[in-house]
Amino acid sequence: MKTYELKKGKIMGLILGPLLIFWIIAAGFSIYMGNTLLEDCQSFIAYLIVVITTLVYVLLNLVIRFGNKKELWAFEIPFFFVTNKISLFLYGLSLCLYILRGAPPDQEYANGLIFIINATVTFSAIIGTFSNDVFMKTFEIKRTH
């Protein structure tokens, strides 16, 4: 009987993959949420705010949390972004507000805020996961396994 050894990278891929798929599906749902919550005149501004807040959120998390490190575990940054408790809480909160909102159409700012929080959190998880290599090269952080 042969025994097969899984390398650490394959095991981490088995854990990281489903989490990343969850955030990709959540991002698709946040786009759907934005299309249902916002009117045409609001959507451009809301998407612009989402792009700006997502980039700021990712950059601040990367620089503040990992900017002063000299070496990092290979999957530390992706795991931080896909399992961030604050992001998961904000996503759950915005999802509950979307489902339970029962908001009349005149609460346009509340609808926009729900969409902005949801989209910022979901897209920051995806962008933060895929931008770790660029960040580590820019700040000359050594990758450990």
N, C-alpha and C. Protein backbone atom coordinates (compact mmCIF):
# COMPACT_ATOMS: atom_id res chain seq x y z
N MET A 1 0.84 -1.17 0.00
CA MET A 1 0.00 0.00 0.00
C MET A 1 0.89 1.24 0.00
N LYS A 2 0.62 2.14 -0.93
CA LYS A 2 1.40 3.36 -1.02
C LYS A 2 0.77 4.45 -0.17
N THR A 3 1.63 5.22 0.44
CA THR A 3 1.13 6.38 1.16
C THR A 3 1.54 7.61 0.38
N TYR A 4 0.64 8.53 0.31
CA TYR A 4 0.88 9.76 -0.44
C TYR A 4 1.02 10.91 0.54
N GLU A 5 2.03 11.68 0.29
CA GLU A 5 2.23 12.87 1.11
C GLU A 5 1.73 14.08 0.34
N LEU A 6 0.96 14.88 1.01
CA LEU A 6 0.53 16.14 0.43
C LEU A 6 1.48 17.22 0.87
N LYS A 7 1.91 18.00 -0.06
CA LYS A 7 2.77 19.11 0.30
C LYS A 7 1.95 20.18 1.00
N LYS A 8 2.64 20.99 1.79
CA LYS A 8 1.95 22.02 2.56
C LYS A 8 1.20 22.99 1.65
N GLY A 9 1.74 23.29 0.50
CA GLY A 9 1.08 24.20 -0.43
C GLY A 9 -0.23 23.64 -0.96
N LYS A 10 -0.28 22.34 -1.19
CA LYS A 10 -1.53 21.74 -1.67
C LYS A 10 -2.59 21.73 -0.58
N ILE A 11 -2.17 21.47 0.65
CA ILE A 11 -3.13 21.49 1.75
C ILE A 11 -3.67 22.90 1.96
N MET A 12 -2.78 23.88 1.90
CA MET A 12 -3.24 25.26 2.08
C MET A 12 -4.14 25.69 0.93
N GLY A 13 -3.88 25.17 -0.26
CA GLY A 13 -4.75 25.46 -1.39
C GLY A 13 -6.13 24.86 -1.21
N LEU A 14 -6.19 23.70 -0.56
CA LEU A 14 -7.48 23.07 -0.29
C LEU A 14 -8.28 23.86 0.74
N ILE A 15 -7.60 24.56 1.62
CA ILE A 15 -8.28 25.38 2.61
C ILE A 15 -8.58 26.76 2.04
N LEU A 16 -7.61 27.35 1.38
CA LEU A 16 -7.75 28.71 0.86
C LEU A 16 -8.71 28.77 -0.33
N GLY A 17 -8.74 27.74 -1.14
CA GLY A 17 -9.58 27.72 -2.34
C GLY A 17 -11.06 27.91 -2.06
N PRO A 18 -11.66 27.10 -1.18
CA PRO A 18 -13.09 27.30 -0.90
C PRO A 18 -13.40 28.65 -0.26
N LEU A 19 -12.50 29.16 0.57
CA LEU A 19 -12.72 30.47 1.16
C LEU A 19 -12.70 31.56 0.09
N LEU A 20 -11.78 31.43 -0.85
CA LEU A 20 -11.72 32.41 -1.94
C LEU A 20 -12.93 32.29 -2.86
N ILE A 21 -13.39 31.09 -3.10
CA ILE A 21 -14.61 30.90 -3.90
C ILE A 21 -15.81 31.53 -3.21
N PHE A 22 -15.87 31.41 -1.87
CA PHE A 22 -16.93 32.06 -1.12
C PHE A 22 -16.92 33.56 -1.34
N TRP A 23 -15.74 34.19 -1.27
CA TRP A 23 -15.66 35.65 -1.44
C TRP A 23 -15.96 36.06 -2.88
N ILE A 24 -15.61 35.23 -3.85
CA ILE A 24 -15.93 35.54 -5.25
C ILE A 24 -17.44 35.49 -5.47
N ILE A 25 -18.09 34.48 -4.91
CA ILE A 25 -19.55 34.40 -5.00
C ILE A 25 -20.19 35.58 -4.27
N ALA A 26 -19.63 35.93 -3.10
CA ALA A 26 -20.15 37.08 -2.35
C ALA A 26 -19.99 38.38 -3.14
N ALA A 27 -18.89 38.50 -3.88
CA ALA A 27 -18.69 39.70 -4.70
C ALA A 27 -19.72 39.76 -5.83
N GLY A 28 -20.01 38.62 -6.42
CA GLY A 28 -21.06 38.60 -7.45
C GLY A 28 -22.41 38.99 -6.87
N PHE A 29 -22.70 38.51 -5.66
CA PHE A 29 -23.96 38.88 -5.03
C PHE A 29 -23.99 40.36 -4.66
N SER A 30 -22.85 40.91 -4.30
CA SER A 30 -22.83 42.34 -3.96
C SER A 30 -23.09 43.20 -5.20
N ILE A 31 -22.64 42.75 -6.36
CA ILE A 31 -22.97 43.47 -7.60
C ILE A 31 -24.48 43.38 -7.86
N TYR A 32 -25.04 42.20 -7.66
CA TYR A 32 -26.49 42.05 -7.81
C TYR A 32 -27.21 42.95 -6.80
N MET A 33 -26.72 42.98 -5.58
CA MET A 33 -27.31 43.81 -4.54
C MET A 33 -27.28 45.28 -4.94
N GLY A 34 -26.16 45.72 -5.49
CA GLY A 34 -26.05 47.10 -5.94
C GLY A 34 -27.02 47.44 -7.05
N ASN A 35 -27.24 46.49 -7.95
CA ASN A 35 -28.18 46.73 -9.05
C ASN A 35 -29.62 46.78 -8.56
N THR A 36 -29.94 46.04 -7.50
CA THR A 36 -31.32 46.05 -7.00
C THR A 36 -31.58 47.21 -6.04
N LEU A 37 -30.56 47.62 -5.28
CA LEU A 37 -30.76 48.66 -4.28
C LEU A 37 -30.67 50.08 -4.84
N LEU A 38 -29.83 50.25 -5.83
CA LEU A 38 -29.53 51.61 -6.29
C LEU A 38 -30.26 51.94 -7.59
N GLU A 39 -30.55 53.21 -7.73
CA GLU A 39 -31.11 53.69 -8.98
C GLU A 39 -29.96 54.04 -9.92
N ASP A 40 -30.26 54.30 -11.16
CA ASP A 40 -29.22 54.57 -12.15
C ASP A 40 -28.38 55.79 -11.80
N CYS A 41 -28.99 56.82 -11.27
CA CYS A 41 -28.23 58.02 -10.97
C CYS A 41 -27.30 57.82 -9.77
N GLN A 42 -27.58 56.87 -8.92
CA GLN A 42 -26.75 56.63 -7.74
C GLN A 42 -25.66 55.61 -7.99
N SER A 43 -25.83 54.77 -8.97
CA SER A 43 -24.93 53.63 -9.11
C SER A 43 -23.50 54.04 -9.44
N PHE A 44 -23.31 55.03 -10.29
CA PHE A 44 -21.94 55.44 -10.63
C PHE A 44 -21.19 55.95 -9.40
N ILE A 45 -21.83 56.78 -8.63
CA ILE A 45 -21.18 57.33 -7.43
C ILE A 45 -20.91 56.23 -6.43
N ALA A 46 -21.86 55.31 -6.25
CA ALA A 46 -21.68 54.22 -5.30
C ALA A 46 -20.53 53.31 -5.72
N TYR A 47 -20.44 52.98 -7.00
CA TYR A 47 -19.34 52.13 -7.48
C TYR A 47 -18.00 52.86 -7.36
N LEU A 48 -17.99 54.15 -7.59
CA LEU A 48 -16.76 54.93 -7.41
C LEU A 48 -16.32 54.92 -5.95
N ILE A 49 -17.26 55.08 -5.04
CA ILE A 49 -16.94 55.02 -3.62
C ILE A 49 -16.44 53.64 -3.24
N VAL A 50 -17.04 52.60 -3.82
CA VAL A 50 -16.59 51.23 -3.53
C VAL A 50 -15.16 51.02 -3.99
N VAL A 51 -14.81 51.48 -5.17
CA VAL A 51 -13.44 51.32 -5.67
C VAL A 51 -12.45 52.03 -4.76
N ILE A 52 -12.76 53.25 -4.38
CA ILE A 52 -11.85 54.03 -3.53
C ILE A 52 -11.72 53.39 -2.15
N THR A 53 -12.83 53.04 -1.52
CA THR A 53 -12.76 52.47 -0.17
C THR A 53 -12.12 51.09 -0.17
N THR A 54 -12.32 50.32 -1.23
CA THR A 54 -11.67 49.01 -1.32
C THR A 54 -10.16 49.15 -1.39
N LEU A 55 -9.68 50.02 -2.25
CA LEU A 55 -8.24 50.22 -2.37
C LEU A 55 -7.63 50.76 -1.08
N VAL A 56 -8.31 51.70 -0.44
CA VAL A 56 -7.81 52.24 0.82
C VAL A 56 -7.80 51.17 1.91
N TYR A 57 -8.86 50.37 1.98
CA TYR A 57 -8.96 49.31 2.98
C TYR A 57 -7.85 48.26 2.81
N VAL A 58 -7.61 47.86 1.57
CA VAL A 58 -6.56 46.88 1.30
C VAL A 58 -5.18 47.46 1.61
N LEU A 59 -4.91 48.65 1.14
CA LEU A 59 -3.60 49.26 1.37
C LEU A 59 -3.34 49.50 2.86
N LEU A 60 -4.32 49.99 3.58
CA LEU A 60 -4.13 50.21 5.01
C LEU A 60 -3.90 48.90 5.76
N ASN A 61 -4.66 47.88 5.42
CA ASN A 61 -4.45 46.59 6.07
C ASN A 61 -3.09 46.01 5.76
N LEU A 62 -2.65 46.13 4.52
CA LEU A 62 -1.34 45.60 4.15
C LEU A 62 -0.21 46.37 4.83
N VAL A 63 -0.26 47.68 4.77
CA VAL A 63 0.84 48.49 5.30
C VAL A 63 0.87 48.45 6.83
N ILE A 64 -0.28 48.61 7.46
CA ILE A 64 -0.29 48.65 8.92
C ILE A 64 0.03 47.28 9.52
N ARG A 65 -0.54 46.23 8.96
CA ARG A 65 -0.37 44.91 9.56
C ARG A 65 0.93 44.23 9.14
N PHE A 66 1.33 44.37 7.89
CA PHE A 66 2.47 43.61 7.38
C PHE A 66 3.63 44.47 6.89
N GLY A 67 3.53 45.78 6.93
CA GLY A 67 4.54 46.65 6.36
C GLY A 67 5.88 46.60 7.05
N ASN A 68 5.92 46.32 8.34
CA ASN A 68 7.18 46.33 9.08
C ASN A 68 7.77 44.94 9.26
N LYS A 69 7.20 43.94 8.63
CA LYS A 69 7.71 42.56 8.75
C LYS A 69 8.88 42.36 7.79
N LYS A 70 9.80 41.52 8.21
CA LYS A 70 10.95 41.17 7.35
C LYS A 70 10.73 39.86 6.63
N GLU A 71 9.94 38.97 7.24
CA GLU A 71 9.60 37.71 6.59
C GLU A 71 8.20 37.29 7.00
N LEU A 72 7.51 36.65 6.06
CA LEU A 72 6.14 36.22 6.28
C LEU A 72 5.97 34.79 5.78
N TRP A 73 5.06 34.08 6.42
CA TRP A 73 4.67 32.77 5.95
C TRP A 73 4.00 32.95 4.60
N ALA A 74 4.14 32.01 3.71
CA ALA A 74 3.67 32.16 2.33
C ALA A 74 2.17 32.46 2.22
N PHE A 75 1.37 31.94 3.14
CA PHE A 75 -0.08 32.12 3.05
C PHE A 75 -0.62 33.06 4.12
N GLU A 76 0.23 33.82 4.79
CA GLU A 76 -0.22 34.66 5.89
C GLU A 76 -1.12 35.81 5.41
N ILE A 77 -0.74 36.49 4.36
CA ILE A 77 -1.55 37.60 3.85
C ILE A 77 -2.87 37.11 3.26
N PRO A 78 -2.88 36.07 2.40
CA PRO A 78 -4.17 35.59 1.91
C PRO A 78 -5.10 35.10 3.02
N PHE A 79 -4.55 34.40 4.02
CA PHE A 79 -5.39 33.95 5.12
C PHE A 79 -5.92 35.11 5.94
N PHE A 80 -5.14 36.17 6.07
CA PHE A 80 -5.63 37.33 6.79
C PHE A 80 -6.85 37.92 6.10
N PHE A 81 -6.79 38.04 4.78
CA PHE A 81 -7.89 38.68 4.07
C PHE A 81 -9.13 37.80 3.95
N VAL A 82 -8.98 36.50 3.78
CA VAL A 82 -10.17 35.66 3.61
C VAL A 82 -10.79 35.25 4.94
N THR A 83 -10.05 35.37 6.05
CA THR A 83 -10.61 35.00 7.35
C THR A 83 -10.65 36.17 8.32
N ASN A 84 -10.62 37.38 7.82
CA ASN A 84 -10.64 38.56 8.66
C ASN A 84 -11.99 38.66 9.38
N LYS A 85 -11.97 38.68 10.71
CA LYS A 85 -13.21 38.67 11.49
C LYS A 85 -14.02 39.95 11.28
N ILE A 86 -13.35 41.06 11.13
CA ILE A 86 -14.07 42.32 10.90
C ILE A 86 -14.78 42.28 9.56
N SER A 87 -14.10 41.77 8.53
CA SER A 87 -14.72 41.67 7.21
C SER A 87 -15.90 40.71 7.22
N LEU A 88 -15.74 39.58 7.89
CA LEU A 88 -16.85 38.63 7.97
C LEU A 88 -18.03 39.22 8.73
N PHE A 89 -17.76 39.95 9.81
CA PHE A 89 -18.84 40.59 10.57
C PHE A 89 -19.56 41.64 9.73
N LEU A 90 -18.79 42.49 9.03
CA LEU A 90 -19.41 43.53 8.21
C LEU A 90 -20.19 42.93 7.04
N TYR A 91 -19.68 41.86 6.47
CA TYR A 91 -20.41 41.20 5.38
C TYR A 91 -21.72 40.62 5.91
N GLY A 92 -21.66 39.94 7.04
CA GLY A 92 -22.87 39.38 7.62
C GLY A 92 -23.87 40.45 8.01
N LEU A 93 -23.39 41.55 8.57
CA LEU A 93 -24.26 42.65 8.94
C LEU A 93 -24.94 43.26 7.72
N SER A 94 -24.17 43.52 6.68
CA SER A 94 -24.76 44.13 5.48
C SER A 94 -25.72 43.16 4.79
N LEU A 95 -25.42 41.87 4.85
CA LEU A 95 -26.32 40.87 4.27
C LEU A 95 -27.63 40.81 5.05
N CYS A 96 -27.54 40.84 6.38
CA CYS A 96 -28.76 40.85 7.20
C CYS A 96 -29.58 42.12 6.97
N LEU A 97 -28.90 43.25 6.87
CA LEU A 97 -29.62 44.49 6.60
C LEU A 97 -30.29 44.46 5.23
N TYR A 98 -29.65 43.83 4.26
CA TYR A 98 -30.25 43.72 2.93
C TYR A 98 -31.48 42.83 2.96
N ILE A 99 -31.38 41.72 3.67
CA ILE A 99 -32.50 40.78 3.71
C ILE A 99 -33.65 41.32 4.56
N LEU A 100 -33.33 41.90 5.69
CA LEU A 100 -34.35 42.33 6.64
C LEU A 100 -34.73 43.80 6.54
N ARG A 101 -34.21 44.50 5.55
CA ARG A 101 -34.32 45.96 5.53
C ARG A 101 -35.75 46.45 5.47
N GLY A 102 -36.58 45.93 4.59
CA GLY A 102 -37.94 46.40 4.46
C GLY A 102 -38.00 47.91 4.30
N ALA A 103 -36.94 48.46 3.73
CA ALA A 103 -36.81 49.92 3.63
C ALA A 103 -37.70 50.45 2.52
N PRO A 104 -38.38 51.53 2.80
CA PRO A 104 -39.12 52.17 1.71
C PRO A 104 -38.14 52.81 0.72
N PRO A 105 -38.58 53.09 -0.48
CA PRO A 105 -37.67 53.62 -1.50
C PRO A 105 -37.06 54.97 -1.16
N ASP A 106 -37.61 55.70 -0.19
CA ASP A 106 -37.05 57.01 0.10
C ASP A 106 -35.79 56.94 0.97
N GLN A 107 -35.41 55.76 1.42
CA GLN A 107 -34.19 55.62 2.21
C GLN A 107 -33.03 55.26 1.29
N GLU A 108 -32.75 56.12 0.37
CA GLU A 108 -31.73 55.85 -0.64
C GLU A 108 -30.33 55.80 -0.05
N TYR A 109 -30.07 56.59 0.98
CA TYR A 109 -28.73 56.59 1.57
C TYR A 109 -28.45 55.31 2.33
N ALA A 110 -29.45 54.77 2.99
CA ALA A 110 -29.29 53.50 3.69
C ALA A 110 -29.00 52.38 2.71
N ASN A 111 -29.72 52.36 1.60
CA ASN A 111 -29.48 51.34 0.58
C ASN A 111 -28.08 51.45 0.00
N GLY A 112 -27.65 52.67 -0.27
CA GLY A 112 -26.30 52.87 -0.79
C GLY A 112 -25.24 52.46 0.21
N LEU A 113 -25.46 52.74 1.49
CA LEU A 113 -24.49 52.36 2.52
C LEU A 113 -24.39 50.85 2.67
N ILE A 114 -25.52 50.16 2.60
CA ILE A 114 -25.51 48.70 2.66
C ILE A 114 -24.69 48.14 1.52
N PHE A 115 -24.90 48.65 0.32
CA PHE A 115 -24.15 48.18 -0.85
C PHE A 115 -22.66 48.50 -0.72
N ILE A 116 -22.34 49.70 -0.30
CA ILE A 116 -20.93 50.10 -0.22
C ILE A 116 -20.17 49.24 0.78
N ILE A 117 -20.75 48.99 1.94
CA ILE A 117 -20.09 48.15 2.94
C ILE A 117 -19.90 46.74 2.40
N ASN A 118 -20.95 46.18 1.81
CA ASN A 118 -20.88 44.82 1.30
C ASN A 118 -19.84 44.68 0.21
N ALA A 119 -19.89 45.55 -0.77
CA ALA A 119 -18.96 45.45 -1.90
C ALA A 119 -17.52 45.73 -1.48
N THR A 120 -17.32 46.69 -0.59
CA THR A 120 -15.96 46.99 -0.14
C THR A 120 -15.33 45.79 0.54
N VAL A 121 -16.08 45.15 1.41
CA VAL A 121 -15.54 44.01 2.15
C VAL A 121 -15.26 42.83 1.22
N THR A 122 -16.18 42.53 0.32
CA THR A 122 -15.98 41.37 -0.55
C THR A 122 -14.83 41.58 -1.53
N PHE A 123 -14.79 42.74 -2.16
CA PHE A 123 -13.72 42.97 -3.13
C PHE A 123 -12.36 43.15 -2.46
N SER A 124 -12.33 43.65 -1.23
CA SER A 124 -11.04 43.77 -0.53
C SER A 124 -10.48 42.40 -0.18
N ALA A 125 -11.34 41.44 0.12
CA ALA A 125 -10.85 40.08 0.40
C ALA A 125 -10.21 39.48 -0.85
N ILE A 126 -10.81 39.71 -2.00
CA ILE A 126 -10.27 39.15 -3.24
C ILE A 126 -8.99 39.89 -3.65
N ILE A 127 -9.03 41.20 -3.63
CA ILE A 127 -7.86 41.98 -4.05
C ILE A 127 -6.70 41.77 -3.08
N GLY A 128 -6.98 41.72 -1.80
CA GLY A 128 -5.92 41.49 -0.82
C GLY A 128 -5.26 40.13 -0.97
N THR A 129 -6.05 39.14 -1.34
CA THR A 129 -5.51 37.80 -1.54
C THR A 129 -4.58 37.75 -2.74
N PHE A 130 -4.98 38.38 -3.83
CA PHE A 130 -4.19 38.31 -5.04
C PHE A 130 -3.05 39.33 -5.10
N SER A 131 -3.04 40.32 -4.24
CA SER A 131 -2.00 41.34 -4.29
C SER A 131 -0.86 41.07 -3.32
N ASN A 132 -0.84 39.93 -2.67
CA ASN A 132 0.20 39.69 -1.67
C ASN A 132 1.59 39.57 -2.28
N ASP A 133 1.71 39.00 -3.46
CA ASP A 133 3.03 38.87 -4.08
C ASP A 133 3.63 40.23 -4.43
N VAL A 134 2.82 41.11 -4.98
CA VAL A 134 3.30 42.45 -5.32
C VAL A 134 3.72 43.20 -4.06
N PHE A 135 2.91 43.09 -3.02
CA PHE A 135 3.23 43.76 -1.76
C PHE A 135 4.53 43.23 -1.17
N MET A 136 4.71 41.92 -1.18
CA MET A 136 5.93 41.33 -0.59
C MET A 136 7.17 41.71 -1.40
N LYS A 137 7.04 41.82 -2.71
CA LYS A 137 8.18 42.24 -3.52
C LYS A 137 8.48 43.72 -3.33
N THR A 138 7.45 44.53 -3.20
CA THR A 138 7.64 45.97 -3.04
C THR A 138 8.32 46.29 -1.72
N PHE A 139 7.90 45.63 -0.65
CA PHE A 139 8.47 45.89 0.66
C PHE A 139 9.63 44.96 1.00
N GLU A 140 10.08 44.17 0.02
CA GLU A 140 11.21 43.25 0.16
C GLU A 140 11.05 42.35 1.38
N ILE A 141 9.91 41.68 1.46
CA ILE A 141 9.61 40.76 2.55
C ILE A 141 9.92 39.35 2.07
N LYS A 142 10.67 38.64 2.88
CA LYS A 142 11.07 37.28 2.54
C LYS A 142 9.90 36.32 2.81
N ARG A 143 9.69 35.40 1.91
CA ARG A 143 8.63 34.40 2.04
C ARG A 143 9.19 33.14 2.70
N THR A 144 8.55 32.70 3.78
CA THR A 144 8.95 31.45 4.43
C THR A 144 7.86 30.41 4.21
N HIS A 145 8.24 29.15 4.32
CA HIS A 145 7.28 28.07 4.08
C HIS A 145 7.04 27.28 5.32
